[in-house]
Amino acid sequence: FTATRHMTGPVLETENGDGTRLDTHVRGYHHIAGADGGDIWA
């Protein structure tokens, strides 16, 4: 990738018996310069 950008929302943290679970929404934008069909994959 030429560049990437990942944006997450608030993170919900939940403790469980063997560690922690983290939940969040994400938008990931990936730029691939000169790619046939367009430069952006989201």
PDB file of all heavy atoms in Angstrom:
ATOM      1  N   PHE A   1       0.833  -1.192   0.000  1.00  0.00           N
ATOM      2  CA  PHE A   1       0.000   0.000   0.000  1.00  0.00           C
ATOM      3  C   PHE A   1       0.870   1.246   0.000  1.00  0.00           C
ATOM      4  O   PHE A   1       1.916   1.290   0.643  1.00  0.00           O
ATOM      5  CB  PHE A   1      -0.926   0.038   1.216  1.00  0.00           C
ATOM      6  CG  PHE A   1      -1.939  -1.063   1.228  1.00  0.00           C
ATOM      7  CD1 PHE A   1      -1.860  -2.079   2.150  1.00  0.00           C
ATOM      8  CD2 PHE A   1      -2.972  -1.086   0.298  1.00  0.00           C
ATOM      9  CE1 PHE A   1      -2.791  -3.108   2.158  1.00  0.00           C
ATOM     10  CE2 PHE A   1      -3.899  -2.114   0.302  1.00  0.00           C
ATOM     11  CZ  PHE A   1      -3.811  -3.128   1.230  1.00  0.00           C
ATOM     12  N   THR A   2       0.404   2.289  -0.694  1.00  0.00           N
ATOM     13  CA  THR A   2       1.091   3.568  -0.672  1.00  0.00           C
ATOM     14  C   THR A   2       0.882   4.232   0.684  1.00  0.00           C
ATOM     15  O   THR A   2       1.790   4.841   1.239  1.00  0.00           O
ATOM     16  CB  THR A   2       0.551   4.481  -1.789  1.00  0.00           C
ATOM     17  OG1 THR A   2       0.586   3.767  -3.020  1.00  0.00           O
ATOM     18  CG2 THR A   2       1.361   5.751  -1.904  1.00  0.00           C
ATOM     19  N   ALA A   3      -0.336   4.110   1.210  1.00  0.00           N
ATOM     20  CA  ALA A   3      -0.679   4.666   2.526  1.00  0.00           C
ATOM     21  C   ALA A   3      -1.910   3.948   3.056  1.00  0.00           C
ATOM     22  O   ALA A   3      -2.702   3.402   2.280  1.00  0.00           O
ATOM     23  CB  ALA A   3      -0.964   6.166   2.413  1.00  0.00           C
ATOM     24  N   THR A   4      -2.056   3.931   4.367  1.00  0.00           N
ATOM     25  CA  THR A   4      -3.262   3.403   4.997  1.00  0.00           C
ATOM     26  C   THR A   4      -3.690   4.345   6.114  1.00  0.00           C
ATOM     27  O   THR A   4      -2.881   5.093   6.653  1.00  0.00           O
ATOM     28  CB  THR A   4      -3.058   1.995   5.598  1.00  0.00           C
ATOM     29  OG1 THR A   4      -2.108   2.072   6.658  1.00  0.00           O
ATOM     30  CG2 THR A   4      -2.591   1.001   4.549  1.00  0.00           C
ATOM     31  N   ARG A   5      -4.979   4.280   6.446  1.00  0.00           N
ATOM     32  CA  ARG A   5      -5.500   5.043   7.579  1.00  0.00           C
ATOM     33  C   ARG A   5      -6.619   4.212   8.188  1.00  0.00           C
ATOM     34  O   ARG A   5      -7.562   3.828   7.493  1.00  0.00           O
ATOM     35  CB  ARG A   5      -6.035   6.387   7.129  1.00  0.00           C
ATOM     36  CG  ARG A   5      -6.584   7.200   8.282  1.00  0.00           C
ATOM     37  CD  ARG A   5      -7.062   8.548   7.828  1.00  0.00           C
ATOM     38  NE  ARG A   5      -7.388   9.331   8.986  1.00  0.00           N
ATOM     39  CZ  ARG A   5      -7.468  10.628   9.001  1.00  0.00           C
ATOM     40  NH1 ARG A   5      -7.226  11.306   7.897  1.00  0.00           N
ATOM     41  NH2 ARG A   5      -7.773  11.275  10.095  1.00  0.00           N
ATOM     42  N   HIS A   6      -6.515   3.934   9.466  1.00  0.00           N
ATOM     43  CA  HIS A   6      -7.517   3.155  10.177  1.00  0.00           C
ATOM     44  C   HIS A   6      -8.047   3.996  11.326  1.00  0.00           C
ATOM     45  O   HIS A   6      -7.272   4.466  12.153  1.00  0.00           O
ATOM     46  CB  HIS A   6      -6.920   1.854  10.704  1.00  0.00           C
ATOM     47  CG  HIS A   6      -6.505   0.928   9.605  1.00  0.00           C
ATOM     48  ND1 HIS A   6      -5.330   1.106   8.899  1.00  0.00           N
ATOM     49  CD2 HIS A   6      -7.119  -0.147   9.072  1.00  0.00           C
ATOM     50  CE1 HIS A   6      -5.242   0.165   7.986  1.00  0.00           C
ATOM     51  NE2 HIS A   6      -6.312  -0.609   8.064  1.00  0.00           N
ATOM     52  N   MET A   7      -9.341   4.193  11.330  1.00  0.00           N
ATOM     53  CA  MET A   7      -9.983   4.996  12.379  1.00  0.00           C
ATOM     54  C   MET A   7     -10.901   4.091  13.188  1.00  0.00           C
ATOM     55  O   MET A   7     -11.725   3.373  12.611  1.00  0.00           O
ATOM     56  CB  MET A   7     -10.774   6.135  11.751  1.00  0.00           C
ATOM     57  CG  MET A   7      -9.886   7.107  10.983  1.00  0.00           C
ATOM     58  SD  MET A   7     -10.816   8.314  10.026  1.00  0.00           S
ATOM     59  CE  MET A   7     -11.368   7.274   8.687  1.00  0.00           C
ATOM     60  N   THR A   8     -10.742   4.127  14.492  1.00  0.00           N
ATOM     61  CA  THR A   8     -11.572   3.321  15.368  1.00  0.00           C
ATOM     62  C   THR A   8     -12.431   4.223  16.242  1.00  0.00           C
ATOM     63  O   THR A   8     -12.118   5.387  16.457  1.00  0.00           O
ATOM     64  CB  THR A   8     -10.716   2.400  16.266  1.00  0.00           C
ATOM     65  OG1 THR A   8      -9.885   3.200  17.094  1.00  0.00           O
ATOM     66  CG2 THR A   8      -9.883   1.449  15.426  1.00  0.00           C
ATOM     67  N   GLY A   9     -13.504   3.642  16.735  1.00  0.00           N
ATOM     68  CA  GLY A   9     -14.383   4.364  17.654  1.00  0.00           C
ATOM     69  C   GLY A   9     -13.960   4.095  19.082  1.00  0.00           C
ATOM     70  O   GLY A   9     -12.861   3.578  19.332  1.00  0.00           O
ATOM     71  N   PRO A  10     -14.818   4.401  20.025  1.00  0.00           N
ATOM     72  CA  PRO A  10     -14.511   4.084  21.420  1.00  0.00           C
ATOM     73  C   PRO A  10     -14.282   2.576  21.568  1.00  0.00           C
ATOM     74  O   PRO A  10     -14.867   1.775  20.855  1.00  0.00           O
ATOM     75  CB  PRO A  10     -15.774   4.508  22.176  1.00  0.00           C
ATOM     76  CG  PRO A  10     -16.465   5.462  21.264  1.00  0.00           C
ATOM     77  CD  PRO A  10     -16.117   5.037  19.875  1.00  0.00           C
ATOM     78  N   VAL A  11     -13.442   2.207  22.519  1.00  0.00           N
ATOM     79  CA  VAL A  11     -13.120   0.803  22.749  1.00  0.00           C
ATOM     80  C   VAL A  11     -13.814   0.328  24.011  1.00  0.00           C
ATOM     81  O   VAL A  11     -13.687   0.943  25.071  1.00  0.00           O
ATOM     82  CB  VAL A  11     -11.590   0.596  22.881  1.00  0.00           C
ATOM     83  CG1 VAL A  11     -11.265  -0.852  23.195  1.00  0.00           C
ATOM     84  CG2 VAL A  11     -10.888   1.051  21.606  1.00  0.00           C
ATOM     85  N   LEU A  12     -14.572  -0.771  23.875  1.00  0.00           N
ATOM     86  CA  LEU A  12     -15.226  -1.401  25.019  1.00  0.00           C
ATOM     87  C   LEU A  12     -14.313  -2.511  25.523  1.00  0.00           C
ATOM     88  O   LEU A  12     -13.952  -3.416  24.773  1.00  0.00           O
ATOM     89  CB  LEU A  12     -16.587  -1.974  24.611  1.00  0.00           C
ATOM     90  CG  LEU A  12     -17.346  -2.746  25.682  1.00  0.00           C
ATOM     91  CD1 LEU A  12     -17.690  -1.847  26.862  1.00  0.00           C
ATOM     92  CD2 LEU A  12     -18.592  -3.371  25.093  1.00  0.00           C
ATOM     93  N   GLU A  13     -13.931  -2.432  26.774  1.00  0.00           N
ATOM     94  CA  GLU A  13     -13.015  -3.410  27.374  1.00  0.00           C
ATOM     95  C   GLU A  13     -13.786  -4.322  28.312  1.00  0.00           C
ATOM     96  O   GLU A  13     -14.506  -3.855  29.196  1.00  0.00           O
ATOM     97  CB  GLU A  13     -11.928  -2.662  28.147  1.00  0.00           C
ATOM     98  CG  GLU A  13     -10.897  -3.542  28.773  1.00  0.00           C
ATOM     99  CD  GLU A  13      -9.809  -2.738  29.461  1.00  0.00           C
ATOM    100  OE1 GLU A  13      -9.475  -1.633  28.995  1.00  0.00           O
ATOM    101  OE2 GLU A  13      -9.290  -3.238  30.490  1.00  0.00           O
ATOM    102  N   THR A  14     -13.618  -5.637  28.117  1.00  0.00           N
ATOM    103  CA  THR A  14     -14.294  -6.625  28.954  1.00  0.00           C
ATOM    104  C   THR A  14     -13.264  -7.625  29.457  1.00  0.00           C
ATOM    105  O   THR A  14     -12.585  -8.269  28.656  1.00  0.00           O
ATOM    106  CB  THR A  14     -15.382  -7.380  28.149  1.00  0.00           C
ATOM    107  OG1 THR A  14     -16.251  -6.444  27.536  1.00  0.00           O
ATOM    108  CG2 THR A  14     -16.178  -8.302  29.046  1.00  0.00           C
ATOM    109  N   GLU A  15     -13.128  -7.743  30.774  1.00  0.00           N
ATOM    110  CA  GLU A  15     -12.219  -8.724  31.357  1.00  0.00           C
ATOM    111  C   GLU A  15     -12.874 -10.097  31.279  1.00  0.00           C
ATOM    112  O   GLU A  15     -14.069 -10.237  31.484  1.00  0.00           O
ATOM    113  CB  GLU A  15     -11.926  -8.381  32.820  1.00  0.00           C
ATOM    114  CG  GLU A  15     -11.221  -7.057  33.019  1.00  0.00           C
ATOM    115  CD  GLU A  15      -9.803  -7.074  32.477  1.00  0.00           C
ATOM    116  OE1 GLU A  15      -9.139  -8.120  32.507  1.00  0.00           O
ATOM    117  OE2 GLU A  15      -9.359  -6.002  32.018  1.00  0.00           O
ATOM    118  N   ASN A  16     -12.055 -11.107  30.936  1.00  0.00           N
ATOM    119  CA  ASN A  16     -12.545 -12.481  30.992  1.00  0.00           C
ATOM    120  C   ASN A  16     -11.492 -13.327  31.694  1.00  0.00           C
ATOM    121  O   ASN A  16     -10.455 -12.823  32.111  1.00  0.00           O
ATOM    122  CB  ASN A  16     -12.914 -13.011  29.594  1.00  0.00           C
ATOM    123  CG  ASN A  16     -11.792 -12.893  28.590  1.00  0.00           C
ATOM    124  OD1 ASN A  16     -10.626 -13.057  28.950  1.00  0.00           O
ATOM    125  ND2 ASN A  16     -12.130 -12.608  27.357  1.00  0.00           N
ATOM    126  N   GLY A  17     -11.726 -14.608  31.820  1.00  0.00           N
ATOM    127  CA  GLY A  17     -10.863 -15.463  32.628  1.00  0.00           C
ATOM    128  C   GLY A  17      -9.417 -15.543  32.179  1.00  0.00           C
ATOM    129  O   GLY A  17      -8.529 -15.714  33.002  1.00  0.00           O
ATOM    130  N   ASP A  18      -9.163 -15.405  30.893  1.00  0.00           N
ATOM    131  CA  ASP A  18      -7.794 -15.585  30.411  1.00  0.00           C
ATOM    132  C   ASP A  18      -7.226 -14.350  29.720  1.00  0.00           C
ATOM    133  O   ASP A  18      -6.273 -14.437  28.955  1.00  0.00           O
ATOM    134  CB  ASP A  18      -7.725 -16.786  29.472  1.00  0.00           C
ATOM    135  CG  ASP A  18      -8.616 -16.627  28.253  1.00  0.00           C
ATOM    136  OD1 ASP A  18      -9.517 -15.763  28.260  1.00  0.00           O
ATOM    137  OD2 ASP A  18      -8.407 -17.359  27.268  1.00  0.00           O
ATOM    138  N   GLY A  19      -7.796 -13.198  29.976  1.00  0.00           N
ATOM    139  CA  GLY A  19      -7.293 -11.969  29.357  1.00  0.00           C
ATOM    140  C   GLY A  19      -8.370 -10.910  29.273  1.00  0.00           C
ATOM    141  O   GLY A  19      -9.270 -10.858  30.099  1.00  0.00           O
ATOM    142  N   THR A  20      -8.266 -10.089  28.245  1.00  0.00           N
ATOM    143  CA  THR A  20      -9.190  -8.977  28.053  1.00  0.00           C
ATOM    144  C   THR A  20      -9.699  -8.996  26.621  1.00  0.00           C
ATOM    145  O   THR A  20      -8.931  -9.240  25.689  1.00  0.00           O
ATOM    146  CB  THR A  20      -8.481  -7.636  28.319  1.00  0.00           C
ATOM    147  OG1 THR A  20      -7.941  -7.651  29.636  1.00  0.00           O
ATOM    148  CG2 THR A  20      -9.426  -6.458  28.189  1.00  0.00           C
ATOM    149  N   ARG A  21     -10.982  -8.710  26.449  1.00  0.00           N
ATOM    150  CA  ARG A  21     -11.569  -8.567  25.115  1.00  0.00           C
ATOM    151  C   ARG A  21     -11.772  -7.074  24.859  1.00  0.00           C
ATOM    152  O   ARG A  21     -12.298  -6.355  25.704  1.00  0.00           O
ATOM    153  CB  ARG A  21     -12.906  -9.298  25.044  1.00  0.00           C
ATOM    154  CG  ARG A  21     -13.623  -9.091  23.731  1.00  0.00           C
ATOM    155  CD  ARG A  21     -14.942  -9.818  23.710  1.00  0.00           C
ATOM    156  NE  ARG A  21     -15.790  -9.315  22.645  1.00  0.00           N
ATOM    157  CZ  ARG A  21     -16.635 -10.050  21.964  1.00  0.00           C
ATOM    158  NH1 ARG A  21     -16.767 -11.338  22.233  1.00  0.00           N
ATOM    159  NH2 ARG A  21     -17.376  -9.508  21.020  1.00  0.00           N
ATOM    160  N   LEU A  22     -11.328  -6.626  23.681  1.00  0.00           N
ATOM    161  CA  LEU A  22     -11.509  -5.240  23.257  1.00  0.00           C
ATOM    162  C   LEU A  22     -12.377  -5.224  22.010  1.00  0.00           C
ATOM    163  O   LEU A  22     -12.100  -5.951  21.059  1.00  0.00           O
ATOM    164  CB  LEU A  22     -10.154  -4.590  22.958  1.00  0.00           C
ATOM    165  CG  LEU A  22      -9.121  -4.615  24.075  1.00  0.00           C
ATOM    166  CD1 LEU A  22      -7.806  -4.044  23.577  1.00  0.00           C
ATOM    167  CD2 LEU A  22      -9.616  -3.859  25.292  1.00  0.00           C
ATOM    168  N   ASP A  23     -13.423  -4.391  22.009  1.00  0.00           N
ATOM    169  CA  ASP A  23     -14.332  -4.253  20.875  1.00  0.00           C
ATOM    170  C   ASP A  23     -14.347  -2.810  20.399  1.00  0.00           C
ATOM    171  O   ASP A  23     -14.431  -1.893  21.220  1.00  0.00           O
ATOM    172  CB  ASP A  23     -15.769  -4.612  21.290  1.00  0.00           C
ATOM    173  CG  ASP A  23     -15.980  -6.093  21.475  1.00  0.00           C
ATOM    174  OD1 ASP A  23     -15.643  -6.627  22.552  1.00  0.00           O
ATOM    175  OD2 ASP A  23     -16.499  -6.712  20.535  1.00  0.00           O
ATOM    176  N   THR A  24     -14.288  -2.609  19.069  1.00  0.00           N
ATOM    177  CA  THR A  24     -14.385  -1.268  18.500  1.00  0.00           C
ATOM    178  C   THR A  24     -14.763  -1.353  17.027  1.00  0.00           C
ATOM    179  O   THR A  24     -14.402  -2.302  16.340  1.00  0.00           O
ATOM    180  CB  THR A  24     -13.072  -0.474  18.656  1.00  0.00           C
ATOM    181  OG1 THR A  24     -13.288   0.873  18.241  1.00  0.00           O
ATOM    182  CG2 THR A  24     -11.942  -1.072  17.866  1.00  0.00           C
ATOM    183  N   HIS A  25     -15.502  -0.373  16.559  1.00  0.00           N
ATOM    184  CA  HIS A  25     -15.763  -0.260  15.123  1.00  0.00           C
ATOM    185  C   HIS A  25     -14.518   0.298  14.450  1.00  0.00           C
ATOM    186  O   HIS A  25     -13.722   1.003  15.077  1.00  0.00           O
ATOM    187  CB  HIS A  25     -16.937   0.675  14.851  1.00  0.00           C
ATOM    188  CG  HIS A  25     -18.281   0.064  15.092  1.00  0.00           C
ATOM    189  ND1 HIS A  25     -18.475  -1.240  15.469  1.00  0.00           N
ATOM    190  CD2 HIS A  25     -19.518   0.594  14.986  1.00  0.00           C
ATOM    191  CE1 HIS A  25     -19.773  -1.486  15.587  1.00  0.00           C
ATOM    192  NE2 HIS A  25     -20.427  -0.382  15.307  1.00  0.00           N
ATOM    193  N   VAL A  26     -14.355  -0.004  13.159  1.00  0.00           N
ATOM    194  CA  VAL A  26     -13.182   0.462  12.424  1.00  0.00           C
ATOM    195  C   VAL A  26     -13.555   0.806  10.993  1.00  0.00           C
ATOM    196  O   VAL A  26     -14.435   0.177  10.403  1.00  0.00           O
ATOM    197  CB  VAL A  26     -12.041  -0.592  12.431  1.00  0.00           C
ATOM    198  CG1 VAL A  26     -12.473  -1.879  11.758  1.00  0.00           C
ATOM    199  CG2 VAL A  26     -10.769  -0.048  11.801  1.00  0.00           C
ATOM    200  N   ARG A  27     -12.907   1.841  10.484  1.00  0.00           N
ATOM    201  CA  ARG A  27     -12.922   2.178   9.063  1.00  0.00           C
ATOM    202  C   ARG A  27     -11.477   2.186   8.628  1.00  0.00           C
ATOM    203  O   ARG A  27     -10.652   2.902   9.188  1.00  0.00           O
ATOM    204  CB  ARG A  27     -13.512   3.560   8.809  1.00  0.00           C
ATOM    205  CG  ARG A  27     -14.989   3.641   8.967  1.00  0.00           C
ATOM    206  CD  ARG A  27     -15.450   5.040   8.643  1.00  0.00           C
ATOM    207  NE  ARG A  27     -16.894   5.073   8.617  1.00  0.00           N
ATOM    208  CZ  ARG A  27     -17.605   6.034   8.099  1.00  0.00           C
ATOM    209  NH1 ARG A  27     -17.000   7.078   7.562  1.00  0.00           N
ATOM    210  NH2 ARG A  27     -18.909   5.989   8.104  1.00  0.00           N
ATOM    211  N   GLY A  28     -11.161   1.371   7.637  1.00  0.00           N
ATOM    212  CA  GLY A  28      -9.796   1.303   7.136  1.00  0.00           C
ATOM    213  C   GLY A  28      -9.751   1.743   5.682  1.00  0.00           C
ATOM    214  O   GLY A  28     -10.471   1.202   4.851  1.00  0.00           O
ATOM    215  N   TYR A  29      -8.943   2.745   5.407  1.00  0.00           N
ATOM    216  CA  TYR A  29      -8.771   3.244   4.043  1.00  0.00           C
ATOM    217  C   TYR A  29      -7.368   2.875   3.579  1.00  0.00           C
ATOM    218  O   TYR A  29      -6.389   3.107   4.293  1.00  0.00           O
ATOM    219  CB  TYR A  29      -8.979   4.756   3.986  1.00  0.00           C
ATOM    220  CG  TYR A  29     -10.393   5.140   4.303  1.00  0.00           C
ATOM    221  CD1 TYR A  29     -10.769   5.455   5.606  1.00  0.00           C
ATOM    222  CD2 TYR A  29     -11.360   5.166   3.306  1.00  0.00           C
ATOM    223  CE1 TYR A  29     -12.080   5.785   5.907  1.00  0.00           C
ATOM    224  CE2 TYR A  29     -12.677   5.500   3.602  1.00  0.00           C
ATOM    225  CZ  TYR A  29     -13.024   5.809   4.899  1.00  0.00           C
ATOM    226  OH  TYR A  29     -14.331   6.129   5.193  1.00  0.00           O
ATOM    227  N   HIS A  30      -7.288   2.302   2.389  1.00  0.00           N
ATOM    228  CA  HIS A  30      -6.036   1.805   1.847  1.00  0.00           C
ATOM    229  C   HIS A  30      -5.819   2.451   0.491  1.00  0.00           C
ATOM    230  O   HIS A  30      -6.670   2.352  -0.386  1.00  0.00           O
ATOM    231  CB  HIS A  30      -6.099   0.287   1.711  1.00  0.00           C
ATOM    232  CG  HIS A  30      -6.533  -0.389   2.970  1.00  0.00           C
ATOM    233  ND1 HIS A  30      -7.872  -0.483   3.344  1.00  0.00           N
ATOM    234  CD2 HIS A  30      -5.816  -0.965   3.967  1.00  0.00           C
ATOM    235  CE1 HIS A  30      -7.948  -1.099   4.509  1.00  0.00           C
ATOM    236  NE2 HIS A  30      -6.714  -1.407   4.901  1.00  0.00           N
ATOM    237  N   HIS A  31      -4.685   3.107   0.329  1.00  0.00           N
ATOM    238  CA  HIS A  31      -4.362   3.796  -0.922  1.00  0.00           C
ATOM    239  C   HIS A  31      -3.319   2.969  -1.665  1.00  0.00           C
ATOM    240  O   HIS A  31      -2.271   2.621  -1.100  1.00  0.00           O
ATOM    241  CB  HIS A  31      -3.818   5.196  -0.637  1.00  0.00           C
ATOM    242  CG  HIS A  31      -3.556   5.983  -1.869  1.00  0.00           C
ATOM    243  ND1 HIS A  31      -2.300   6.087  -2.419  1.00  0.00           N
ATOM    244  CD2 HIS A  31      -4.381   6.691  -2.672  1.00  0.00           C
ATOM    245  CE1 HIS A  31      -2.369   6.841  -3.507  1.00  0.00           C
ATOM    246  NE2 HIS A  31      -3.607   7.214  -3.681  1.00  0.00           N
ATOM    247  N   ILE A  32      -3.622   2.642  -2.921  1.00  0.00           N
ATOM    248  CA  ILE A  32      -2.704   1.890  -3.769  1.00  0.00           C
ATOM    249  C   ILE A  32      -2.519   2.719  -5.037  1.00  0.00           C
ATOM    250  O   ILE A  32      -3.357   2.703  -5.942  1.00  0.00           O
ATOM    251  CB  ILE A  32      -3.267   0.497  -4.107  1.00  0.00           C
ATOM    252  CG1 ILE A  32      -3.628  -0.239  -2.819  1.00  0.00           C
ATOM    253  CG2 ILE A  32      -2.268  -0.293  -4.934  1.00  0.00           C
ATOM    254  CD1 ILE A  32      -4.464  -1.471  -3.022  1.00  0.00           C
ATOM    255  N   ALA A  33      -1.441   3.486  -5.080  1.00  0.00           N
ATOM    256  CA  ALA A  33      -1.205   4.416  -6.184  1.00  0.00           C
ATOM    257  C   ALA A  33      -1.177   3.692  -7.520  1.00  0.00           C
ATOM    258  O   ALA A  33      -0.503   2.671  -7.675  1.00  0.00           O
ATOM    259  CB  ALA A  33       0.109   5.158  -5.969  1.00  0.00           C
ATOM    260  N   GLY A  34      -1.953   4.211  -8.467  1.00  0.00           N
ATOM    261  CA  GLY A  34      -1.945   3.702  -9.826  1.00  0.00           C
ATOM    262  C   GLY A  34      -2.658   2.385 -10.044  1.00  0.00           C
ATOM    263  O   GLY A  34      -2.532   1.789 -11.111  1.00  0.00           O
ATOM    264  N   ALA A  35      -3.422   1.924  -9.073  1.00  0.00           N
ATOM    265  CA  ALA A  35      -4.121   0.643  -9.228  1.00  0.00           C
ATOM    266  C   ALA A  35      -5.207   0.760 -10.298  1.00  0.00           C
ATOM    267  O   ALA A  35      -5.918   1.766 -10.364  1.00  0.00           O
ATOM    268  CB  ALA A  35      -4.741   0.217  -7.905  1.00  0.00           C
ATOM    269  N   ASP A  36      -5.311  -0.250 -11.146  1.00  0.00           N
ATOM    270  CA  ASP A  36      -6.397  -0.289 -12.125  1.00  0.00           C
ATOM    271  C   ASP A  36      -7.724  -0.313 -11.368  1.00  0.00           C
ATOM    272  O   ASP A  36      -7.885  -1.080 -10.429  1.00  0.00           O
ATOM    273  CB  ASP A  36      -6.290  -1.534 -13.003  1.00  0.00           C
ATOM    274  CG  ASP A  36      -5.104  -1.487 -13.958  1.00  0.00           C
ATOM    275  OD1 ASP A  36      -4.610  -0.370 -14.225  1.00  0.00           O
ATOM    276  OD2 ASP A  36      -4.682  -2.552 -14.416  1.00  0.00           O
ATOM    277  N   GLY A  37      -8.650   0.542 -11.753  1.00  0.00           N
ATOM    278  CA  GLY A  37      -9.959   0.566 -11.107  1.00  0.00           C
ATOM    279  C   GLY A  37     -10.077   1.561  -9.972  1.00  0.00           C
ATOM    280  O   GLY A  37     -11.126   1.667  -9.356  1.00  0.00           O
ATOM    281  N   GLY A  38      -9.008   2.273  -9.658  1.00  0.00           N
ATOM    282  CA  GLY A  38      -9.058   3.283  -8.601  1.00  0.00           C
ATOM    283  C   GLY A  38      -8.023   3.047  -7.521  1.00  0.00           C
ATOM    284  O   GLY A  38      -7.576   1.924  -7.308  1.00  0.00           O
ATOM    285  N   ASP A  39      -7.674   4.115  -6.837  1.00  0.00           N
ATOM    286  CA  ASP A  39      -6.596   4.076  -5.850  1.00  0.00           C
ATOM    287  C   ASP A  39      -7.040   3.692  -4.438  1.00  0.00           C
ATOM    288  O   ASP A  39      -6.199   3.422  -3.591  1.00  0.00           O
ATOM    289  CB  ASP A  39      -5.914   5.445  -5.755  1.00  0.00           C
ATOM    290  CG  ASP A  39      -5.138   5.812  -7.003  1.00  0.00           C
ATOM    291  OD1 ASP A  39      -4.923   4.928  -7.853  1.00  0.00           O
ATOM    292  OD2 ASP A  39      -4.749   6.982  -7.123  1.00  0.00           O
ATOM    293  N   ILE A  40      -8.343   3.721  -4.162  1.00  0.00           N
ATOM    294  CA  ILE A  40      -8.823   3.545  -2.788  1.00  0.00           C
ATOM    295  C   ILE A  40      -9.611   2.249  -2.627  1.00  0.00           C
ATOM    296  O   ILE A  40     -10.489   1.928  -3.420  1.00  0.00           O
ATOM    297  CB  ILE A  40      -9.719   4.731  -2.356  1.00  0.00           C
ATOM    298  CG1 ILE A  40      -8.959   6.056  -2.462  1.00  0.00           C
ATOM    299  CG2 ILE A  40     -10.260   4.526  -0.940  1.00  0.00           C
ATOM    300  CD1 ILE A  40      -7.785   6.199  -1.527  1.00  0.00           C
ATOM    301  N   TRP A  41      -9.281   1.524  -1.556  1.00  0.00           N
ATOM    302  CA  TRP A  41     -10.055   0.359  -1.113  1.00  0.00           C
ATOM    303  C   TRP A  41     -10.381   0.626   0.351  1.00  0.00           C
ATOM    304  O   TRP A  41      -9.487   0.851   1.166  1.00  0.00           O
ATOM    305  CB  TRP A  41      -9.236  -0.913  -1.272  1.00  0.00           C
ATOM    306  CG  TRP A  41      -9.797  -2.125  -0.606  1.00  0.00           C
ATOM    307  CD1 TRP A  41     -11.058  -2.635  -0.741  1.00  0.00           C
ATOM    308  CD2 TRP A  41      -9.112  -3.003   0.293  1.00  0.00           C
ATOM    309  NE1 TRP A  41     -11.188  -3.772   0.014  1.00  0.00           N
ATOM    310  CE2 TRP A  41     -10.008  -4.021   0.658  1.00  0.00           C
ATOM    311  CE3 TRP A  41      -7.819  -3.024   0.816  1.00  0.00           C
ATOM    312  CZ2 TRP A  41      -9.667  -5.052   1.525  1.00  0.00           C
ATOM    313  CZ3 TRP A  41      -7.483  -4.049   1.681  1.00  0.00           C
ATOM    314  CH2 TRP A  41      -8.403  -5.053   2.021  1.00  0.00           C
ATOM    315  N   ALA A  42     -11.667   0.625   0.687  1.00  0.00           N
ATOM    316  CA  ALA A  42     -12.094   0.914   2.055  1.00  0.00           C
ATOM    317  C   ALA A  42     -12.812  -0.290   2.652  1.00  0.00           C
ATOM    318  O   ALA A  42     -13.589  -0.964   1.977  1.00  0.00           O
ATOM    319  CB  ALA A  42     -13.009   2.131   2.089  1.00  0.00           C
TER     320      ALA A  42
END
